Amino acid sequence: MSLHPINMIHGSEPNRSATKRIGLSISYCTPGIERAPAPMVRARGRDNYDHPEVLREPPAANREARLDNRAALTR
C-alpha cells in the first residue's frame, strides 16, 4: 500500500503478480473552502457555510459508468 499526496509525481515497478493493481483517491477539504472543484459529500459535522454542492451521499453510479469500470477491470 502507498499513501501520498494526490499531486505528487510517483511511480512503481510493473505489476508482475497475478492480481490487479487498484488505485483509490480521496481528497479532503476544510468547510471554509470558498468554491469546491466538484460536488462534495460531507464526511462528518455540518455545513455552516451553506455550500450549494454538498451532497447527502455519494451519487449512485449510472449503468454506463459501471460498464466502463467493469471493462477497465477486465483488461
N, C-alpha and C. Protein backbone atom coordinates (compact mmCIF):
# COMPACT_ATOMS: atom_id res chain seq x y z
N MET A 1 0.84 -1.16 0.00
CA MET A 1 0.00 0.00 0.00
C MET A 1 0.89 1.23 0.00
N SER A 2 0.44 2.26 -0.69
CA SER A 2 1.18 3.50 -0.80
C SER A 2 0.25 4.66 -0.49
N LEU A 3 0.64 5.54 0.42
CA LEU A 3 -0.13 6.74 0.74
C LEU A 3 0.74 7.95 0.42
N HIS A 4 0.21 8.87 -0.37
CA HIS A 4 0.95 10.07 -0.73
C HIS A 4 -0.01 11.15 -1.21
N PRO A 5 0.46 12.41 -1.21
CA PRO A 5 -0.40 13.50 -1.71
C PRO A 5 -0.79 13.24 -3.16
N ILE A 6 -2.01 13.60 -3.51
CA ILE A 6 -2.54 13.29 -4.84
C ILE A 6 -1.77 13.99 -5.96
N ASN A 7 -1.18 15.15 -5.70
CA ASN A 7 -0.46 15.88 -6.73
C ASN A 7 1.01 15.49 -6.84
N MET A 8 1.45 14.57 -6.01
CA MET A 8 2.85 14.14 -6.04
C MET A 8 3.10 13.21 -7.23
N ILE A 9 4.17 13.48 -7.98
CA ILE A 9 4.53 12.59 -9.08
C ILE A 9 5.13 11.34 -8.46
N HIS A 10 4.62 10.20 -8.84
CA HIS A 10 5.09 8.95 -8.27
C HIS A 10 5.00 7.84 -9.30
N GLY A 11 5.61 6.74 -9.02
CA GLY A 11 5.57 5.60 -9.93
C GLY A 11 5.99 4.34 -9.21
N SER A 12 5.88 3.24 -9.89
CA SER A 12 6.28 1.97 -9.30
C SER A 12 6.68 1.02 -10.42
N GLU A 13 7.26 -0.06 -10.03
CA GLU A 13 7.66 -1.08 -10.99
C GLU A 13 6.41 -1.72 -11.60
N PRO A 14 6.52 -2.38 -12.74
CA PRO A 14 5.38 -3.06 -13.34
C PRO A 14 4.80 -4.12 -12.39
N ASN A 15 3.51 -4.30 -12.45
CA ASN A 15 2.85 -5.31 -11.64
C ASN A 15 3.07 -6.67 -12.29
N ARG A 16 3.90 -7.50 -11.70
CA ARG A 16 4.20 -8.82 -12.25
C ARG A 16 3.40 -9.92 -11.56
N SER A 17 2.52 -9.55 -10.66
CA SER A 17 1.72 -10.55 -9.94
C SER A 17 0.48 -10.91 -10.75
N ALA A 18 -0.23 -11.92 -10.29
CA ALA A 18 -1.46 -12.35 -10.96
C ALA A 18 -2.65 -11.50 -10.53
N THR A 19 -2.47 -10.66 -9.53
CA THR A 19 -3.57 -9.83 -9.05
C THR A 19 -3.52 -8.45 -9.70
N LYS A 20 -4.66 -7.78 -9.74
CA LYS A 20 -4.76 -6.46 -10.36
C LYS A 20 -4.33 -5.38 -9.39
N ARG A 21 -3.74 -4.35 -9.91
CA ARG A 21 -3.38 -3.18 -9.11
C ARG A 21 -4.58 -2.24 -9.13
N ILE A 22 -4.97 -1.77 -7.96
CA ILE A 22 -6.15 -0.90 -7.85
C ILE A 22 -5.73 0.39 -7.16
N GLY A 23 -6.25 1.50 -7.64
CA GLY A 23 -5.97 2.80 -7.03
C GLY A 23 -7.22 3.42 -6.46
N LEU A 24 -7.06 4.22 -5.43
CA LEU A 24 -8.17 4.92 -4.79
C LEU A 24 -7.68 6.32 -4.45
N SER A 25 -8.48 7.30 -4.76
CA SER A 25 -8.12 8.68 -4.48
C SER A 25 -9.22 9.32 -3.63
N ILE A 26 -8.82 9.88 -2.50
CA ILE A 26 -9.76 10.58 -1.62
C ILE A 26 -9.15 11.94 -1.31
N SER A 27 -9.92 12.99 -1.48
CA SER A 27 -9.45 14.34 -1.16
C SER A 27 -10.35 14.94 -0.10
N TYR A 28 -9.75 15.51 0.92
CA TYR A 28 -10.49 16.19 1.97
C TYR A 28 -10.23 17.68 1.87
N CYS A 29 -11.21 18.49 2.27
CA CYS A 29 -11.01 19.94 2.33
C CYS A 29 -11.72 20.46 3.57
N THR A 30 -11.36 21.64 4.00
CA THR A 30 -11.99 22.23 5.18
C THR A 30 -13.35 22.81 4.79
N PRO A 31 -14.25 22.96 5.75
CA PRO A 31 -15.56 23.54 5.44
C PRO A 31 -15.48 24.97 4.93
N GLY A 32 -14.39 25.66 5.23
CA GLY A 32 -14.25 27.06 4.83
C GLY A 32 -13.87 27.26 3.38
N ILE A 33 -13.77 26.20 2.60
CA ILE A 33 -13.42 26.33 1.18
C ILE A 33 -14.49 27.19 0.50
N GLU A 34 -14.04 28.17 -0.29
CA GLU A 34 -15.00 29.08 -0.92
C GLU A 34 -15.78 28.43 -2.05
N ARG A 35 -15.08 27.70 -2.89
CA ARG A 35 -15.75 27.07 -4.03
C ARG A 35 -15.08 25.73 -4.28
N ALA A 36 -15.86 24.69 -4.24
CA ALA A 36 -15.32 23.34 -4.46
C ALA A 36 -15.19 23.07 -5.95
N PRO A 37 -14.16 22.30 -6.35
CA PRO A 37 -13.99 21.99 -7.77
C PRO A 37 -15.03 21.01 -8.29
N ALA A 38 -15.72 20.33 -7.40
CA ALA A 38 -16.74 19.34 -7.78
C ALA A 38 -17.71 19.19 -6.62
N PRO A 39 -18.88 18.57 -6.84
CA PRO A 39 -19.79 18.32 -5.72
C PRO A 39 -19.07 17.53 -4.62
N MET A 40 -19.40 17.83 -3.38
CA MET A 40 -18.75 17.20 -2.23
C MET A 40 -19.75 16.37 -1.44
N VAL A 41 -19.23 15.40 -0.71
CA VAL A 41 -20.01 14.65 0.27
C VAL A 41 -19.38 14.95 1.62
N ARG A 42 -20.17 15.40 2.57
CA ARG A 42 -19.64 15.74 3.89
C ARG A 42 -19.24 14.46 4.63
N ALA A 43 -18.02 14.42 5.15
CA ALA A 43 -17.55 13.26 5.89
C ALA A 43 -18.14 13.24 7.30
N ARG A 44 -18.26 14.40 7.92
CA ARG A 44 -18.86 14.50 9.25
C ARG A 44 -19.13 15.96 9.57
N GLY A 45 -19.85 16.20 10.63
CA GLY A 45 -20.15 17.56 11.04
C GLY A 45 -21.30 18.17 10.26
N ARG A 46 -21.32 19.49 10.18
CA ARG A 46 -22.40 20.17 9.46
C ARG A 46 -21.82 21.27 8.58
N ASP A 47 -22.62 21.72 7.65
CA ASP A 47 -22.20 22.75 6.71
C ASP A 47 -22.70 24.10 7.20
N ASN A 48 -21.86 24.81 7.92
CA ASN A 48 -22.24 26.14 8.41
C ASN A 48 -22.05 27.22 7.36
N TYR A 49 -21.52 26.85 6.20
CA TYR A 49 -21.24 27.82 5.15
C TYR A 49 -22.28 27.77 4.03
N ASP A 50 -23.24 26.88 4.14
CA ASP A 50 -24.33 26.75 3.16
C ASP A 50 -23.81 26.55 1.73
N HIS A 51 -22.91 25.59 1.57
CA HIS A 51 -22.39 25.26 0.23
C HIS A 51 -23.50 24.65 -0.62
N PRO A 52 -23.65 25.10 -1.86
CA PRO A 52 -24.72 24.57 -2.71
C PRO A 52 -24.43 23.17 -3.25
N GLU A 53 -23.16 22.75 -3.25
CA GLU A 53 -22.79 21.49 -3.90
C GLU A 53 -22.47 20.37 -2.90
N VAL A 54 -23.00 20.45 -1.67
CA VAL A 54 -22.76 19.39 -0.69
C VAL A 54 -23.88 18.36 -0.82
N LEU A 55 -23.50 17.13 -1.14
CA LEU A 55 -24.47 16.05 -1.32
C LEU A 55 -24.65 15.28 -0.02
N ARG A 56 -25.82 14.70 0.17
CA ARG A 56 -26.07 13.90 1.37
C ARG A 56 -25.32 12.58 1.32
N GLU A 57 -25.14 12.04 0.13
CA GLU A 57 -24.44 10.76 -0.05
C GLU A 57 -23.80 10.75 -1.44
N PRO A 58 -22.83 9.87 -1.65
CA PRO A 58 -22.22 9.81 -2.99
C PRO A 58 -23.26 9.48 -4.04
N PRO A 59 -23.13 10.04 -5.24
CA PRO A 59 -24.09 9.74 -6.30
C PRO A 59 -24.00 8.27 -6.71
N ALA A 60 -25.13 7.68 -6.99
CA ALA A 60 -25.14 6.29 -7.45
C ALA A 60 -24.52 6.25 -8.84
N ALA A 61 -23.68 5.27 -9.06
CA ALA A 61 -23.05 5.13 -10.39
C ALA A 61 -24.12 4.77 -11.41
N ASN A 62 -24.06 5.40 -12.55
CA ASN A 62 -25.03 5.05 -13.59
C ASN A 62 -24.56 3.81 -14.34
N ARG A 63 -25.42 3.24 -15.13
CA ARG A 63 -25.13 1.97 -15.81
C ARG A 63 -23.90 2.10 -16.72
N GLU A 64 -23.80 3.19 -17.46
CA GLU A 64 -22.67 3.37 -18.38
C GLU A 64 -21.34 3.43 -17.62
N ALA A 65 -21.33 4.14 -16.49
CA ALA A 65 -20.10 4.23 -15.70
C ALA A 65 -19.72 2.87 -15.14
N ARG A 66 -20.71 2.09 -14.70
CA ARG A 66 -20.40 0.74 -14.18
C ARG A 66 -19.83 -0.14 -15.28
N LEU A 67 -20.38 -0.05 -16.50
CA LEU A 67 -19.88 -0.87 -17.60
C LEU A 67 -18.47 -0.45 -17.99
N ASP A 68 -18.20 0.86 -18.00
CA ASP A 68 -16.85 1.34 -18.30
C ASP A 68 -15.86 0.84 -17.25
N ASN A 69 -16.27 0.89 -15.98
CA ASN A 69 -15.41 0.43 -14.90
C ASN A 69 -15.15 -1.07 -15.02
N ARG A 70 -16.18 -1.83 -15.31
CA ARG A 70 -16.03 -3.28 -15.45
C ARG A 70 -15.09 -3.61 -16.61
N ALA A 71 -15.24 -2.89 -17.72
CA ALA A 71 -14.38 -3.13 -18.88
C ALA A 71 -12.92 -2.83 -18.54
N ALA A 72 -12.70 -1.76 -17.78
CA ALA A 72 -11.33 -1.40 -17.39
C ALA A 72 -10.72 -2.46 -16.49
N LEU A 73 -11.52 -3.03 -15.61
CA LEU A 73 -11.01 -4.04 -14.68
C LEU A 73 -10.74 -5.39 -15.35
N THR A 74 -11.37 -5.64 -16.48
CA THR A 74 -11.18 -6.93 -17.15
C THR A 74 -10.08 -6.89 -18.20
N ARG A 75 -9.49 -5.73 -18.43
CA ARG A 75 -8.40 -5.62 -19.42
C ARG A 75 -7.15 -6.28 -18.92
